Amino acid sequence: MTDWRGIADRVNQAVIRTYRESLPVQYIPAETGVPIPVVLFFESSAFEIDANTSISRHVYRPYAFVRLEDLGRDPADGDTIVVQGTTYLVTHEERDGYGGVTLFMGRID
């Protein structure tokens, strides 16, 4: 039987290892306020495709992808991430079902 969870985890690790933010990143849970150093994939903007019109557009919606194992806790709306001195507020999360989570954020400074 194919180990899809294991395969997905190895792919997640490779993506983060290859495209990770190379500078220190701090994940700060709202619950504790204690920074957690973390390695993640960060993107300050993305392309969205309108499902009705198939038109793509560039949007400034920062997001980060991180393995839950690397984060060491469940993320929550209201947590913050500091990347290159800029603070972002986590507004939404989407888990991939294989141990990874995409965090959608808004810039707050």
N, C-alpha and C. Protein backbone atom coordinates (compact mmCIF):
# COMPACT_ATOMS: atom_id res chain seq x y z
N MET A 1 0.84 -1.18 0.00
CA MET A 1 0.00 0.00 0.00
C MET A 1 0.89 1.25 0.00
N THR A 2 0.52 2.23 -0.77
CA THR A 2 1.30 3.46 -0.89
C THR A 2 1.13 4.33 0.35
N ASP A 3 2.23 4.84 0.85
CA ASP A 3 2.24 5.71 2.03
C ASP A 3 2.10 7.16 1.58
N TRP A 4 0.87 7.58 1.24
CA TRP A 4 0.62 8.92 0.72
C TRP A 4 0.99 10.00 1.74
N ARG A 5 0.70 9.76 3.01
CA ARG A 5 1.04 10.74 4.05
C ARG A 5 2.56 10.95 4.10
N GLY A 6 3.31 9.87 4.05
CA GLY A 6 4.77 9.96 4.06
C GLY A 6 5.31 10.66 2.83
N ILE A 7 4.74 10.35 1.67
CA ILE A 7 5.16 11.00 0.43
C ILE A 7 4.86 12.50 0.51
N ALA A 8 3.67 12.86 0.95
CA ALA A 8 3.30 14.28 1.05
C ALA A 8 4.21 15.00 2.04
N ASP A 9 4.55 14.36 3.15
CA ASP A 9 5.43 15.00 4.12
C ASP A 9 6.81 15.24 3.53
N ARG A 10 7.34 14.29 2.76
CA ARG A 10 8.65 14.48 2.12
C ARG A 10 8.59 15.59 1.08
N VAL A 11 7.49 15.70 0.35
CA VAL A 11 7.33 16.79 -0.61
C VAL A 11 7.28 18.13 0.13
N ASN A 12 6.50 18.19 1.22
CA ASN A 12 6.43 19.42 2.02
C ASN A 12 7.81 19.83 2.52
N GLN A 13 8.59 18.86 3.00
CA GLN A 13 9.94 19.16 3.49
C GLN A 13 10.81 19.70 2.36
N ALA A 14 10.72 19.10 1.18
CA ALA A 14 11.53 19.55 0.04
C ALA A 14 11.15 20.96 -0.38
N VAL A 15 9.86 21.27 -0.40
CA VAL A 15 9.41 22.62 -0.78
C VAL A 15 9.97 23.64 0.21
N ILE A 16 9.83 23.37 1.48
CA ILE A 16 10.31 24.32 2.49
C ILE A 16 11.83 24.44 2.43
N ARG A 17 12.53 23.34 2.27
CA ARG A 17 13.98 23.35 2.20
C ARG A 17 14.45 24.15 0.98
N THR A 18 13.74 24.04 -0.13
CA THR A 18 14.14 24.70 -1.37
C THR A 18 13.73 26.17 -1.42
N TYR A 19 12.52 26.48 -0.97
CA TYR A 19 11.97 27.82 -1.15
C TYR A 19 11.79 28.59 0.16
N ARG A 20 12.36 28.14 1.24
CA ARG A 20 12.14 28.75 2.53
C ARG A 20 12.63 30.19 2.59
N GLU A 21 12.08 30.91 3.53
CA GLU A 21 12.56 32.26 3.83
C GLU A 21 13.93 32.10 4.47
N SER A 22 14.95 32.73 3.90
CA SER A 22 16.31 32.48 4.36
C SER A 22 16.69 33.30 5.59
N LEU A 23 15.92 34.30 5.94
CA LEU A 23 16.21 35.10 7.12
C LEU A 23 15.41 34.60 8.30
N PRO A 24 15.79 34.99 9.52
CA PRO A 24 15.05 34.52 10.69
C PRO A 24 13.57 34.90 10.62
N VAL A 25 12.73 33.91 10.91
CA VAL A 25 11.29 34.11 10.95
C VAL A 25 10.82 33.73 12.34
N GLN A 26 9.99 34.57 12.92
CA GLN A 26 9.45 34.32 14.25
C GLN A 26 7.94 34.13 14.15
N TYR A 27 7.46 33.03 14.71
CA TYR A 27 6.02 32.79 14.82
C TYR A 27 5.65 33.11 16.25
N ILE A 28 4.68 34.02 16.45
CA ILE A 28 4.32 34.46 17.79
C ILE A 28 2.86 34.12 18.06
N PRO A 29 2.62 33.08 18.86
CA PRO A 29 1.24 32.73 19.20
C PRO A 29 0.59 33.84 20.03
N ALA A 30 -0.64 34.20 19.70
CA ALA A 30 -1.35 35.23 20.46
C ALA A 30 -1.56 34.78 21.90
N GLU A 31 -1.72 33.48 22.08
CA GLU A 31 -1.99 32.91 23.40
C GLU A 31 -0.84 33.16 24.39
N THR A 32 0.40 33.03 23.92
CA THR A 32 1.55 33.14 24.83
C THR A 32 2.40 34.38 24.60
N GLY A 33 2.45 34.86 23.36
CA GLY A 33 3.32 35.99 23.04
C GLY A 33 4.79 35.63 22.99
N VAL A 34 5.10 34.35 23.11
CA VAL A 34 6.49 33.89 23.12
C VAL A 34 6.89 33.50 21.69
N PRO A 35 7.89 34.18 21.10
CA PRO A 35 8.30 33.87 19.72
C PRO A 35 8.86 32.46 19.58
N ILE A 36 8.51 31.84 18.46
CA ILE A 36 9.03 30.52 18.10
C ILE A 36 9.80 30.68 16.79
N PRO A 37 11.12 30.42 16.76
CA PRO A 37 11.84 30.47 15.49
C PRO A 37 11.37 29.31 14.60
N VAL A 38 11.11 29.61 13.34
CA VAL A 38 10.56 28.58 12.46
C VAL A 38 11.08 28.77 11.03
N VAL A 39 11.16 27.64 10.32
CA VAL A 39 11.50 27.65 8.90
C VAL A 39 10.21 27.41 8.14
N LEU A 40 9.92 28.29 7.18
CA LEU A 40 8.68 28.17 6.43
C LEU A 40 8.85 28.72 5.03
N PHE A 41 7.87 28.49 4.19
CA PHE A 41 7.81 29.07 2.86
C PHE A 41 6.93 30.30 2.95
N PHE A 42 7.46 31.47 2.58
CA PHE A 42 6.72 32.73 2.68
C PHE A 42 6.61 33.38 1.31
N GLU A 43 5.44 33.90 1.02
CA GLU A 43 5.21 34.64 -0.22
C GLU A 43 4.39 35.87 0.11
N SER A 44 4.85 37.03 -0.35
CA SER A 44 4.14 38.27 0.00
C SER A 44 2.96 38.56 -0.91
N SER A 45 2.87 37.87 -2.03
CA SER A 45 1.73 38.08 -2.93
C SER A 45 1.52 36.82 -3.75
N ALA A 46 0.40 36.78 -4.44
CA ALA A 46 0.07 35.58 -5.21
C ALA A 46 -0.84 35.94 -6.37
N PHE A 47 -1.12 34.96 -7.20
CA PHE A 47 -2.09 35.12 -8.26
C PHE A 47 -3.35 34.36 -7.88
N GLU A 48 -4.48 34.96 -8.13
CA GLU A 48 -5.76 34.29 -7.92
C GLU A 48 -6.43 34.14 -9.27
N ILE A 49 -7.17 33.08 -9.44
CA ILE A 49 -7.93 32.87 -10.67
C ILE A 49 -9.40 32.87 -10.30
N ASP A 50 -10.16 33.73 -10.95
CA ASP A 50 -11.60 33.79 -10.73
C ASP A 50 -12.24 32.55 -11.35
N ALA A 51 -12.91 31.76 -10.54
CA ALA A 51 -13.50 30.51 -11.02
C ALA A 51 -14.59 30.74 -12.05
N ASN A 52 -15.24 31.90 -12.02
CA ASN A 52 -16.33 32.18 -12.96
C ASN A 52 -15.84 32.66 -14.31
N THR A 53 -14.74 33.44 -14.31
CA THR A 53 -14.28 34.04 -15.56
C THR A 53 -12.95 33.48 -16.06
N SER A 54 -12.26 32.73 -15.21
CA SER A 54 -10.92 32.20 -15.51
C SER A 54 -9.88 33.30 -15.69
N ILE A 55 -10.17 34.48 -15.22
CA ILE A 55 -9.24 35.59 -15.30
C ILE A 55 -8.34 35.57 -14.06
N SER A 56 -7.03 35.67 -14.29
CA SER A 56 -6.11 35.70 -13.16
C SER A 56 -5.76 37.14 -12.83
N ARG A 57 -5.46 37.36 -11.56
CA ARG A 57 -5.06 38.70 -11.13
C ARG A 57 -4.05 38.57 -10.01
N HIS A 58 -3.17 39.55 -9.94
CA HIS A 58 -2.15 39.58 -8.90
C HIS A 58 -2.76 40.21 -7.66
N VAL A 59 -2.65 39.53 -6.54
CA VAL A 59 -3.21 40.05 -5.29
C VAL A 59 -2.12 40.10 -4.23
N TYR A 60 -2.19 41.09 -3.41
CA TYR A 60 -1.24 41.24 -2.30
C TYR A 60 -1.86 40.62 -1.06
N ARG A 61 -1.77 39.32 -1.01
CA ARG A 61 -2.29 38.56 0.13
C ARG A 61 -1.18 37.64 0.60
N PRO A 62 -0.39 38.11 1.56
CA PRO A 62 0.73 37.28 2.00
C PRO A 62 0.26 35.96 2.61
N TYR A 63 1.08 34.94 2.40
CA TYR A 63 0.79 33.64 2.99
C TYR A 63 2.09 32.93 3.31
N ALA A 64 2.00 31.95 4.18
CA ALA A 64 3.16 31.14 4.54
C ALA A 64 2.70 29.69 4.60
N PHE A 65 3.59 28.81 4.21
CA PHE A 65 3.33 27.38 4.34
C PHE A 65 4.35 26.83 5.33
N VAL A 66 3.86 26.06 6.30
CA VAL A 66 4.73 25.49 7.32
C VAL A 66 4.24 24.09 7.68
N ARG A 67 5.18 23.23 8.02
CA ARG A 67 4.82 21.91 8.52
C ARG A 67 4.43 22.06 9.98
N LEU A 68 3.32 21.46 10.38
CA LEU A 68 2.88 21.55 11.77
C LEU A 68 3.93 20.99 12.71
N GLU A 69 4.63 19.96 12.29
CA GLU A 69 5.70 19.39 13.11
C GLU A 69 6.80 20.42 13.37
N ASP A 70 7.14 21.23 12.37
CA ASP A 70 8.17 22.26 12.54
C ASP A 70 7.68 23.38 13.45
N LEU A 71 6.39 23.68 13.37
CA LEU A 71 5.81 24.75 14.19
C LEU A 71 5.68 24.30 15.65
N GLY A 72 5.39 23.04 15.85
CA GLY A 72 5.31 22.50 17.20
C GLY A 72 4.04 22.84 17.96
N ARG A 73 3.05 23.37 17.28
CA ARG A 73 1.77 23.72 17.90
C ARG A 73 0.75 23.96 16.80
N ASP A 74 -0.51 24.02 17.17
CA ASP A 74 -1.55 24.36 16.20
C ASP A 74 -1.59 25.87 16.02
N PRO A 75 -1.58 26.35 14.79
CA PRO A 75 -1.70 27.79 14.57
C PRO A 75 -3.12 28.26 14.84
N ALA A 76 -3.26 29.56 15.06
CA ALA A 76 -4.60 30.12 15.32
C ALA A 76 -4.70 31.50 14.71
N ASP A 77 -5.92 31.86 14.32
CA ASP A 77 -6.16 33.23 13.86
C ASP A 77 -5.76 34.16 14.99
N GLY A 78 -5.09 35.26 14.65
CA GLY A 78 -4.64 36.21 15.65
C GLY A 78 -3.18 36.05 16.02
N ASP A 79 -2.57 34.91 15.65
CA ASP A 79 -1.13 34.75 15.84
C ASP A 79 -0.42 35.70 14.87
N THR A 80 0.85 35.97 15.10
CA THR A 80 1.60 36.84 14.20
C THR A 80 2.87 36.14 13.74
N ILE A 81 3.36 36.59 12.59
CA ILE A 81 4.62 36.11 12.03
C ILE A 81 5.44 37.34 11.68
N VAL A 82 6.71 37.33 12.08
CA VAL A 82 7.61 38.43 11.75
C VAL A 82 8.62 37.92 10.72
N VAL A 83 8.60 38.55 9.54
CA VAL A 83 9.49 38.18 8.44
C VAL A 83 10.25 39.43 8.02
N GLN A 84 11.56 39.39 8.08
CA GLN A 84 12.41 40.51 7.68
C GLN A 84 11.95 41.82 8.34
N GLY A 85 11.59 41.75 9.60
CA GLY A 85 11.20 42.94 10.35
C GLY A 85 9.78 43.41 10.13
N THR A 86 9.02 42.73 9.28
CA THR A 86 7.63 43.08 9.02
C THR A 86 6.73 42.09 9.73
N THR A 87 5.70 42.61 10.41
CA THR A 87 4.79 41.76 11.17
C THR A 87 3.51 41.51 10.38
N TYR A 88 3.09 40.25 10.35
CA TYR A 88 1.88 39.83 9.66
C TYR A 88 0.95 39.15 10.66
N LEU A 89 -0.34 39.41 10.53
CA LEU A 89 -1.36 38.82 11.38
C LEU A 89 -2.01 37.65 10.66
N VAL A 90 -2.03 36.48 11.29
CA VAL A 90 -2.67 35.31 10.71
C VAL A 90 -4.18 35.51 10.77
N THR A 91 -4.82 35.45 9.59
CA THR A 91 -6.27 35.67 9.51
C THR A 91 -7.05 34.42 9.16
N HIS A 92 -6.35 33.42 8.62
CA HIS A 92 -7.03 32.21 8.16
C HIS A 92 -5.99 31.12 7.95
N GLU A 93 -6.36 29.89 8.16
CA GLU A 93 -5.46 28.77 7.91
C GLU A 93 -6.17 27.70 7.09
N GLU A 94 -5.38 27.00 6.27
CA GLU A 94 -5.91 25.87 5.51
C GLU A 94 -4.92 24.73 5.63
N ARG A 95 -5.35 23.64 6.26
CA ARG A 95 -4.51 22.46 6.43
C ARG A 95 -4.58 21.60 5.18
N ASP A 96 -3.45 20.97 4.86
CA ASP A 96 -3.43 20.14 3.65
C ASP A 96 -3.80 18.68 3.92
N GLY A 97 -4.01 18.32 5.18
CA GLY A 97 -4.36 16.96 5.51
C GLY A 97 -3.18 16.01 5.61
N TYR A 98 -1.98 16.52 5.36
CA TYR A 98 -0.77 15.71 5.40
C TYR A 98 0.30 16.31 6.30
N GLY A 99 -0.12 17.13 7.27
CA GLY A 99 0.84 17.69 8.21
C GLY A 99 1.34 19.07 7.87
N GLY A 100 0.79 19.68 6.84
CA GLY A 100 1.19 21.03 6.47
C GLY A 100 0.01 21.98 6.59
N VAL A 101 0.31 23.27 6.72
CA VAL A 101 -0.75 24.26 6.82
C VAL A 101 -0.32 25.53 6.10
N THR A 102 -1.25 26.12 5.35
CA THR A 102 -1.02 27.41 4.72
C THR A 102 -1.69 28.46 5.60
N LEU A 103 -0.93 29.47 5.97
CA LEU A 103 -1.42 30.55 6.82
C LEU A 103 -1.59 31.80 5.96
N PHE A 104 -2.79 32.32 5.89
CA PHE A 104 -3.06 33.54 5.15
C PHE A 104 -3.00 34.69 6.14
N MET A 105 -2.40 35.80 5.71
CA MET A 105 -2.08 36.87 6.65
C MET A 105 -2.35 38.24 6.06
N GLY A 106 -2.37 39.21 6.94
CA GLY A 106 -2.42 40.60 6.56
C GLY A 106 -1.25 41.33 7.22
N ARG A 107 -0.67 42.25 6.50
CA ARG A 107 0.46 43.02 7.03
C ARG A 107 -0.05 44.01 8.06
N ILE A 108 0.61 44.08 9.23
CA ILE A 108 0.13 45.02 10.25
C ILE A 108 1.15 46.09 10.60
N ASP A 109 2.33 46.09 9.99
CA ASP A 109 3.26 47.22 10.17
C ASP A 109 4.10 47.44 8.96
